[in-house]
């Protein structure tokens, strides 16, 4: 089993690790961290997901990407509607 790594104070994407929430002991146990996102939200995330890059924010990143995609789609629809008229 790999040695425990203290992630306190480190940044992963938009998340800053505040402190340890719970440390997994034994096989199959997961370690959780209290995190603070750049947007100001505090959340609890699992160590593996953070260190492997599967989790980069509290969820605000996904919302930002979705909003950007919606804006691009709306612009495209406007161009198409102008072309049809």
N, C-alpha and C. Protein backbone atom coordinates (compact mmCIF):
# COMPACT_ATOMS: atom_id res chain seq x y z
N UNK A 1 0.85 -1.17 0.00
CA UNK A 1 0.00 0.00 0.00
C UNK A 1 0.90 1.24 0.00
N UNK A 2 0.59 2.23 -0.86
CA UNK A 2 1.43 3.43 -0.91
C UNK A 2 1.36 4.23 0.39
N UNK A 3 2.45 4.95 0.64
CA UNK A 3 2.51 5.78 1.84
C UNK A 3 1.49 6.92 1.75
N UNK A 4 0.99 7.35 2.90
CA UNK A 4 0.03 8.45 2.96
C UNK A 4 0.71 9.75 2.56
N UNK A 5 0.07 10.51 1.68
CA UNK A 5 0.60 11.80 1.24
C UNK A 5 -0.30 12.91 1.76
N UNK A 6 0.30 13.84 2.47
CA UNK A 6 -0.46 14.98 2.99
C UNK A 6 -0.62 16.00 1.86
N UNK A 7 -1.86 16.25 1.47
CA UNK A 7 -2.15 17.18 0.37
C UNK A 7 -2.53 18.58 0.87
N UNK A 8 -2.53 18.79 2.17
CA UNK A 8 -2.95 20.06 2.75
C UNK A 8 -2.18 21.22 2.13
N UNK A 9 -2.93 22.23 1.66
CA UNK A 9 -2.35 23.43 1.08
C UNK A 9 -2.05 23.33 -0.41
N UNK A 10 -2.15 22.15 -0.99
CA UNK A 10 -1.85 21.97 -2.41
C UNK A 10 -3.08 22.30 -3.26
N UNK A 11 -2.80 22.70 -4.52
CA UNK A 11 -3.86 23.04 -5.46
C UNK A 11 -3.97 21.98 -6.54
N UNK A 12 -5.22 21.67 -6.88
CA UNK A 12 -5.53 20.75 -7.96
C UNK A 12 -6.66 21.39 -8.75
N UNK A 13 -6.37 21.91 -9.92
CA UNK A 13 -7.38 22.61 -10.70
C UNK A 13 -7.84 23.85 -9.96
N UNK A 14 -9.12 23.93 -9.69
CA UNK A 14 -9.69 25.06 -8.95
C UNK A 14 -9.77 24.80 -7.45
N UNK A 15 -9.35 23.62 -7.01
CA UNK A 15 -9.47 23.23 -5.61
C UNK A 15 -8.18 23.45 -4.84
N UNK A 16 -8.31 23.96 -3.62
CA UNK A 16 -7.21 24.03 -2.66
C UNK A 16 -7.58 23.13 -1.50
N UNK A 17 -6.66 22.24 -1.14
CA UNK A 17 -6.91 21.31 -0.04
C UNK A 17 -6.77 22.06 1.28
N UNK A 18 -7.82 22.04 2.10
CA UNK A 18 -7.84 22.74 3.38
C UNK A 18 -7.29 21.84 4.48
N UNK A 19 -7.89 20.66 4.63
CA UNK A 19 -7.42 19.71 5.65
C UNK A 19 -8.01 18.34 5.39
N UNK A 20 -7.56 17.38 6.17
CA UNK A 20 -8.00 15.99 6.05
C UNK A 20 -9.38 15.82 6.69
N UNK A 21 -10.29 15.20 5.94
CA UNK A 21 -11.63 14.90 6.46
C UNK A 21 -11.62 13.52 7.13
N UNK A 22 -11.19 12.51 6.39
CA UNK A 22 -11.09 11.16 6.96
C UNK A 22 -10.03 10.38 6.20
N UNK A 23 -9.23 9.66 6.94
CA UNK A 23 -8.14 8.88 6.36
C UNK A 23 -8.55 7.42 6.29
N UNK A 24 -8.46 6.87 5.08
CA UNK A 24 -8.78 5.46 4.90
C UNK A 24 -7.71 4.57 5.50
N UNK A 25 -8.14 3.54 6.16
CA UNK A 25 -7.21 2.59 6.75
C UNK A 25 -7.53 1.21 6.20
N UNK A 26 -6.51 0.51 5.76
CA UNK A 26 -6.71 -0.83 5.25
C UNK A 26 -7.04 -0.85 3.77
N UNK A 27 -7.24 -2.02 3.25
CA UNK A 27 -7.51 -2.22 1.84
C UNK A 27 -8.90 -1.71 1.46
N UNK A 28 -8.96 -0.94 0.38
CA UNK A 28 -10.24 -0.48 -0.14
C UNK A 28 -10.82 0.73 0.55
N UNK A 29 -10.15 1.27 1.54
CA UNK A 29 -10.66 2.46 2.25
C UNK A 29 -10.22 3.71 1.51
N UNK A 30 -11.06 4.70 1.48
CA UNK A 30 -10.78 5.93 0.75
C UNK A 30 -10.47 7.07 1.71
N UNK A 31 -9.62 7.99 1.24
CA UNK A 31 -9.26 9.17 2.02
C UNK A 31 -10.00 10.36 1.43
N UNK A 32 -10.61 11.16 2.30
CA UNK A 32 -11.37 12.32 1.87
C UNK A 32 -10.75 13.59 2.44
N UNK A 33 -10.85 14.68 1.66
CA UNK A 33 -10.26 15.97 2.02
C UNK A 33 -11.32 17.06 1.99
N UNK A 34 -11.21 18.01 2.93
CA UNK A 34 -11.99 19.24 2.87
C UNK A 34 -11.27 20.17 1.90
N UNK A 35 -12.01 20.68 0.94
CA UNK A 35 -11.42 21.51 -0.11
C UNK A 35 -12.17 22.84 -0.20
N UNK A 36 -11.49 23.85 -0.73
CA UNK A 36 -12.13 25.12 -1.02
C UNK A 36 -11.90 25.42 -2.49
N UNK A 37 -12.97 25.69 -3.20
CA UNK A 37 -12.92 25.97 -4.63
C UNK A 37 -12.65 27.46 -4.85
N UNK A 38 -12.12 27.80 -6.01
CA UNK A 38 -11.88 29.20 -6.35
C UNK A 38 -13.16 30.04 -6.32
N UNK A 39 -14.32 29.40 -6.54
CA UNK A 39 -15.59 30.12 -6.53
C UNK A 39 -16.06 30.42 -5.10
N UNK A 40 -15.35 29.85 -4.09
CA UNK A 40 -15.68 30.10 -2.69
C UNK A 40 -16.42 28.97 -2.00
N UNK A 41 -16.85 27.98 -2.76
CA UNK A 41 -17.58 26.85 -2.20
C UNK A 41 -16.64 25.88 -1.50
N UNK A 42 -17.05 25.40 -0.33
CA UNK A 42 -16.29 24.37 0.36
C UNK A 42 -16.93 23.02 0.06
N UNK A 43 -16.09 22.00 -0.15
CA UNK A 43 -16.61 20.69 -0.52
C UNK A 43 -15.68 19.61 0.01
N UNK A 44 -16.15 18.37 -0.03
CA UNK A 44 -15.37 17.22 0.39
C UNK A 44 -15.16 16.36 -0.85
N UNK A 45 -13.89 16.04 -1.12
CA UNK A 45 -13.56 15.26 -2.31
C UNK A 45 -12.63 14.11 -1.94
N UNK A 46 -12.69 13.05 -2.74
CA UNK A 46 -11.90 11.85 -2.50
C UNK A 46 -10.49 12.02 -3.07
N UNK A 47 -9.49 11.52 -2.35
CA UNK A 47 -8.09 11.71 -2.68
C UNK A 47 -7.73 11.22 -4.09
N UNK A 48 -8.16 10.03 -4.44
CA UNK A 48 -7.81 9.45 -5.74
C UNK A 48 -8.33 10.33 -6.88
N UNK A 49 -9.58 10.77 -6.78
CA UNK A 49 -10.18 11.59 -7.83
C UNK A 49 -9.45 12.93 -7.97
N UNK A 50 -9.00 13.49 -6.86
CA UNK A 50 -8.28 14.76 -6.89
C UNK A 50 -6.92 14.59 -7.55
N UNK A 51 -6.15 13.62 -7.08
CA UNK A 51 -4.77 13.47 -7.56
C UNK A 51 -4.68 12.98 -8.99
N UNK A 52 -5.69 12.24 -9.46
CA UNK A 52 -5.68 11.75 -10.84
C UNK A 52 -6.31 12.73 -11.82
N UNK A 53 -6.87 13.84 -11.31
CA UNK A 53 -7.43 14.86 -12.19
C UNK A 53 -8.88 14.65 -12.58
N UNK A 54 -9.55 13.68 -11.97
CA UNK A 54 -10.97 13.44 -12.28
C UNK A 54 -11.85 14.52 -11.66
N UNK A 55 -11.39 15.12 -10.57
CA UNK A 55 -12.11 16.19 -9.90
C UNK A 55 -11.24 17.44 -9.92
N UNK A 56 -11.74 18.52 -10.51
CA UNK A 56 -10.96 19.76 -10.59
C UNK A 56 -11.65 20.94 -9.94
N UNK A 57 -12.91 20.76 -9.51
CA UNK A 57 -13.66 21.85 -8.89
C UNK A 57 -14.79 21.28 -8.06
N UNK A 58 -15.58 22.18 -7.47
CA UNK A 58 -16.75 21.77 -6.69
C UNK A 58 -17.91 21.37 -7.59
N UNK A 59 -17.78 21.64 -8.86
CA UNK A 59 -18.85 21.42 -9.83
C UNK A 59 -19.06 22.66 -10.68
N UNK A 60 -18.42 23.76 -10.26
CA UNK A 60 -18.59 25.02 -10.98
C UNK A 60 -17.93 24.98 -12.36
N UNK A 61 -16.86 24.20 -12.52
CA UNK A 61 -16.19 24.10 -13.82
C UNK A 61 -17.14 23.53 -14.87
N UNK A 62 -17.85 22.49 -14.50
CA UNK A 62 -18.80 21.86 -15.42
C UNK A 62 -19.89 22.85 -15.82
N UNK A 63 -20.37 23.62 -14.84
CA UNK A 63 -21.40 24.62 -15.12
C UNK A 63 -20.87 25.70 -16.06
N UNK A 64 -19.62 26.13 -15.85
CA UNK A 64 -19.01 27.14 -16.71
C UNK A 64 -18.88 26.63 -18.15
N UNK A 65 -18.44 25.39 -18.31
CA UNK A 65 -18.30 24.80 -19.64
C UNK A 65 -19.66 24.70 -20.32
N UNK A 66 -20.68 24.28 -19.57
CA UNK A 66 -22.02 24.15 -20.13
C UNK A 66 -22.55 25.50 -20.59
N UNK A 67 -22.36 26.54 -19.75
CA UNK A 67 -22.81 27.89 -20.14
C UNK A 67 -22.12 28.36 -21.42
N UNK A 68 -20.83 28.10 -21.52
CA UNK A 68 -20.06 28.50 -22.70
C UNK A 68 -20.60 27.78 -23.95
N UNK A 69 -20.88 26.49 -23.81
CA UNK A 69 -21.42 25.72 -24.93
C UNK A 69 -22.79 26.25 -25.35
N UNK A 70 -23.62 26.62 -24.36
CA UNK A 70 -24.94 27.16 -24.67
C UNK A 70 -24.82 28.48 -25.44
N UNK A 71 -23.91 29.34 -25.02
CA UNK A 71 -23.71 30.62 -25.71
C UNK A 71 -23.28 30.40 -27.15
N UNK A 72 -22.35 29.46 -27.37
CA UNK A 72 -21.89 29.18 -28.72
C UNK A 72 -23.02 28.62 -29.58
N UNK A 73 -23.85 27.75 -29.01
CA UNK A 73 -24.98 27.20 -29.75
C UNK A 73 -25.99 28.29 -30.11
N UNK A 74 -26.24 29.20 -29.17
CA UNK A 74 -27.18 30.29 -29.43
C UNK A 74 -26.67 31.19 -30.54
N UNK A 75 -25.37 31.48 -30.55
CA UNK A 75 -24.80 32.31 -31.62
C UNK A 75 -24.95 31.62 -32.97
N UNK A 76 -24.70 30.33 -33.01
CA UNK A 76 -24.83 29.56 -34.24
C UNK A 76 -26.28 29.56 -34.73
N UNK A 77 -27.21 29.37 -33.81
CA UNK A 77 -28.63 29.39 -34.19
C UNK A 77 -29.05 30.75 -34.73
N UNK A 78 -28.56 31.84 -34.13
CA UNK A 78 -28.86 33.18 -34.61
C UNK A 78 -28.35 33.37 -36.03
N UNK A 79 -27.13 32.88 -36.29
CA UNK A 79 -26.56 33.00 -37.64
C UNK A 79 -27.38 32.20 -38.65
N UNK A 80 -27.81 31.02 -38.25
CA UNK A 80 -28.62 30.20 -39.13
C UNK A 80 -29.97 30.85 -39.40
N UNK A 81 -30.59 31.42 -38.38
CA UNK A 81 -31.89 32.07 -38.56
C UNK A 81 -31.77 33.29 -39.45
N UNK A 82 -30.70 34.04 -39.33
CA UNK A 82 -30.50 35.21 -40.20
C UNK A 82 -30.28 34.79 -41.64
N UNK A 83 -29.61 33.69 -41.84
CA UNK A 83 -29.35 33.18 -43.18
C UNK A 83 -30.61 32.66 -43.86
N UNK A 84 -31.56 32.18 -43.08
CA UNK A 84 -32.80 31.62 -43.63
C UNK A 84 -33.75 32.75 -44.02
N UNK A 85 -33.75 33.83 -43.28
CA UNK A 85 -34.71 34.93 -43.52
C UNK A 85 -34.46 35.63 -44.81
